[in-house]
Amino acid sequence: MQATYHMMLDGFCKVEDFEGGLKVHNAMLTSEHCPMADTYCRLVEGLLRDGNIDHACFVVEEMEKRKIRVKLQSWEVLATHACGADGGARKLLTELSL
């Protein structure tokens, strides 16, 4: 069952239907399954790109609750989408790491 969820969530992200992806994400959480770190990041990135900050924050909070670890490069991509491409992302990451 978990593999089916992963395929569906990845598929929604690939076709950039992040609202649909969020619904699959919520179904996964309800059934006590957990997306992989890369899938979480794609979902959050897409939600931010679409301007859906509240849902993106919800997904990040779920990542934190489940102790999902992602690479620094993934955080940089997420911060870039959240802060804009004006260099604010690198500054934010530097401040967070201090």
C-alpha atoms as a PDB file:
ATOM      1  CA  MET A   1       0.000   0.000   0.000  1.00  0.00           C
ATOM      2  CA  GLN A   2       2.804   2.424   0.871  1.00  0.00           C
ATOM      3  CA  ALA A   3       4.388   1.972  -2.568  1.00  0.00           C
ATOM      4  CA  THR A   4       1.068   2.951  -4.159  1.00  0.00           C
ATOM      5  CA  TYR A   5       0.929   6.124  -2.083  1.00  0.00           C
ATOM      6  CA  HIS A   6       4.503   6.990  -3.048  1.00  0.00           C
ATOM      7  CA  MET A   7       3.782   6.470  -6.755  1.00  0.00           C
ATOM      8  CA  MET A   8       0.619   8.577  -6.583  1.00  0.00           C
ATOM      9  CA  LEU A   9       2.306  11.400  -4.660  1.00  0.00           C
ATOM     10  CA  ASP A  10       5.310  11.395  -7.003  1.00  0.00           C
ATOM     11  CA  GLY A  11       2.937  11.408  -9.985  1.00  0.00           C
ATOM     12  CA  PHE A  12       0.993  14.403  -8.716  1.00  0.00           C
ATOM     13  CA  CYS A  13       4.259  16.265  -8.101  1.00  0.00           C
ATOM     14  CA  LYS A  14       5.596  15.414 -11.575  1.00  0.00           C
ATOM     15  CA  VAL A  15       2.495  16.851 -13.275  1.00  0.00           C
ATOM     16  CA  GLU A  16       2.637  19.812 -10.879  1.00  0.00           C
ATOM     17  CA  ASP A  17      -0.740  19.095  -9.273  1.00  0.00           C
ATOM     18  CA  PHE A  18       0.433  19.928  -5.778  1.00  0.00           C
ATOM     19  CA  GLU A  19      -3.076  20.233  -4.344  1.00  0.00           C
ATOM     20  CA  GLY A  20      -3.698  16.643  -5.459  1.00  0.00           C
ATOM     21  CA  GLY A  21      -0.340  15.688  -3.992  1.00  0.00           C
ATOM     22  CA  LEU A  22      -1.310  17.285  -0.708  1.00  0.00           C
ATOM     23  CA  LYS A  23      -4.478  15.170  -0.608  1.00  0.00           C
ATOM     24  CA  VAL A  24      -2.428  11.987  -1.112  1.00  0.00           C
ATOM     25  CA  HIS A  25       0.024  13.218   1.539  1.00  0.00           C
ATOM     26  CA  ASN A  26      -2.841  13.664   4.011  1.00  0.00           C
ATOM     27  CA  ALA A  27      -4.203  10.209   3.172  1.00  0.00           C
ATOM     28  CA  MET A  28      -0.742   8.769   3.818  1.00  0.00           C
ATOM     29  CA  LEU A  29      -0.579  10.417   7.223  1.00  0.00           C
ATOM     30  CA  THR A  30      -4.065   9.184   8.102  1.00  0.00           C
ATOM     31  CA  SER A  31      -3.051   5.623   7.267  1.00  0.00           C
ATOM     32  CA  GLU A  32       0.233   6.046   9.182  1.00  0.00           C
ATOM     33  CA  HIS A  33       2.483   5.968   6.104  1.00  0.00           C
ATOM     34  CA  CYS A  34       5.236   8.503   5.554  1.00  0.00           C
ATOM     35  CA  PRO A  35       6.539  10.012   2.302  1.00  0.00           C
ATOM     36  CA  MET A  36      10.256   9.906   1.543  1.00  0.00           C
ATOM     37  CA  ALA A  37      12.356  13.035   2.115  1.00  0.00           C
ATOM     38  CA  ASP A  38      12.736  13.850  -1.596  1.00  0.00           C
ATOM     39  CA  THR A  39       8.989  13.596  -2.109  1.00  0.00           C
ATOM     40  CA  TYR A  40       8.354  15.898   0.843  1.00  0.00           C
ATOM     41  CA  CYS A  41      10.748  18.433  -0.638  1.00  0.00           C
ATOM     42  CA  ARG A  42       9.148  18.320  -4.106  1.00  0.00           C
ATOM     43  CA  LEU A  43       5.718  18.787  -2.559  1.00  0.00           C
ATOM     44  CA  VAL A  44       6.815  21.726  -0.402  1.00  0.00           C
ATOM     45  CA  GLU A  45       8.689  23.317  -3.312  1.00  0.00           C
ATOM     46  CA  GLY A  46       5.633  23.069  -5.545  1.00  0.00           C
ATOM     47  CA  LEU A  47       3.277  24.419  -2.901  1.00  0.00           C
ATOM     48  CA  LEU A  48       5.604  27.388  -2.340  1.00  0.00           C
ATOM     49  CA  ARG A  49       5.920  27.993  -6.076  1.00  0.00           C
ATOM     50  CA  ASP A  50       2.118  28.043  -6.304  1.00  0.00           C
ATOM     51  CA  GLY A  51       1.966  30.536  -3.429  1.00  0.00           C
ATOM     52  CA  ASN A  52       0.378  28.067  -1.034  1.00  0.00           C
ATOM     53  CA  ILE A  53       2.530  28.976   1.949  1.00  0.00           C
ATOM     54  CA  ASP A  54       0.154  27.683   4.634  1.00  0.00           C
ATOM     55  CA  HIS A  55       0.055  24.174   3.185  1.00  0.00           C
ATOM     56  CA  ALA A  56       3.808  24.215   2.575  1.00  0.00           C
ATOM     57  CA  CYS A  57       4.377  25.104   6.237  1.00  0.00           C
ATOM     58  CA  PHE A  58       2.030  22.297   7.285  1.00  0.00           C
ATOM     59  CA  VAL A  59       4.065  19.786   5.254  1.00  0.00           C
ATOM     60  CA  VAL A  60       7.351  21.091   6.710  1.00  0.00           C
ATOM     61  CA  GLU A  61       5.888  20.749  10.222  1.00  0.00           C
ATOM     62  CA  GLU A  62       4.929  17.153   9.429  1.00  0.00           C
ATOM     63  CA  MET A  63       8.497  16.522   8.222  1.00  0.00           C
ATOM     64  CA  GLU A  64       9.800  17.861  11.510  1.00  0.00           C
ATOM     65  CA  LYS A  65       7.376  15.744  13.576  1.00  0.00           C
ATOM     66  CA  ARG A  66       8.534  12.630  11.745  1.00  0.00           C
ATOM     67  CA  LYS A  67      12.213  13.613  11.992  1.00  0.00           C
ATOM     68  CA  ILE A  68      12.612  13.519   8.204  1.00  0.00           C
ATOM     69  CA  ARG A  69      16.136  14.591   7.332  1.00  0.00           C
ATOM     70  CA  VAL A  70      16.912  16.282   4.047  1.00  0.00           C
ATOM     71  CA  LYS A  71      20.158  17.422   2.453  1.00  0.00           C
ATOM     72  CA  LEU A  72      21.306  21.014   2.840  1.00  0.00           C
ATOM     73  CA  GLN A  73      20.771  21.553  -0.899  1.00  0.00           C
ATOM     74  CA  SER A  74      17.095  20.665  -0.457  1.00  0.00           C
ATOM     75  CA  TRP A  75      16.722  23.211   2.326  1.00  0.00           C
ATOM     76  CA  GLU A  76      18.386  25.803   0.094  1.00  0.00           C
ATOM     77  CA  VAL A  77      15.851  25.134  -2.677  1.00  0.00           C
ATOM     78  CA  LEU A  78      12.978  25.395  -0.211  1.00  0.00           C
ATOM     79  CA  ALA A  79      14.365  28.583   1.312  1.00  0.00           C
ATOM     80  CA  THR A  80      14.867  30.075  -2.163  1.00  0.00           C
ATOM     81  CA  HIS A  81      11.216  29.482  -3.019  1.00  0.00           C
ATOM     82  CA  ALA A  82      10.106  30.834   0.349  1.00  0.00           C
ATOM     83  CA  CYS A  83      12.374  33.907   0.344  1.00  0.00           C
ATOM     84  CA  GLY A  84      12.687  34.629  -3.362  1.00  0.00           C
ATOM     85  CA  ALA A  85      15.692  34.331  -5.623  1.00  0.00           C
ATOM     86  CA  ASP A  86      17.296  37.572  -4.411  1.00  0.00           C
ATOM     87  CA  GLY A  87      19.896  35.875  -2.233  1.00  0.00           C
ATOM     88  CA  GLY A  88      17.789  35.963   0.912  1.00  0.00           C
ATOM     89  CA  ALA A  89      17.768  32.163   1.051  1.00  0.00           C
ATOM     90  CA  ARG A  90      21.516  31.845   1.571  1.00  0.00           C
ATOM     91  CA  LYS A  91      21.414  34.558   4.241  1.00  0.00           C
ATOM     92  CA  LEU A  92      18.539  32.770   5.997  1.00  0.00           C
ATOM     93  CA  LEU A  93      20.353  29.426   5.930  1.00  0.00           C
ATOM     94  CA  THR A  94      23.505  31.061   7.276  1.00  0.00           C
ATOM     95  CA  GLU A  95      21.547  32.629  10.140  1.00  0.00           C
ATOM     96  CA  LEU A  96      19.780  29.361  10.934  1.00  0.00           C
ATOM     97  CA  SER A  97      23.033  27.440  11.064  1.00  0.00           C
ATOM     98  CA  LEU A  98      24.634  29.824  13.606  1.00  0.00           C
END
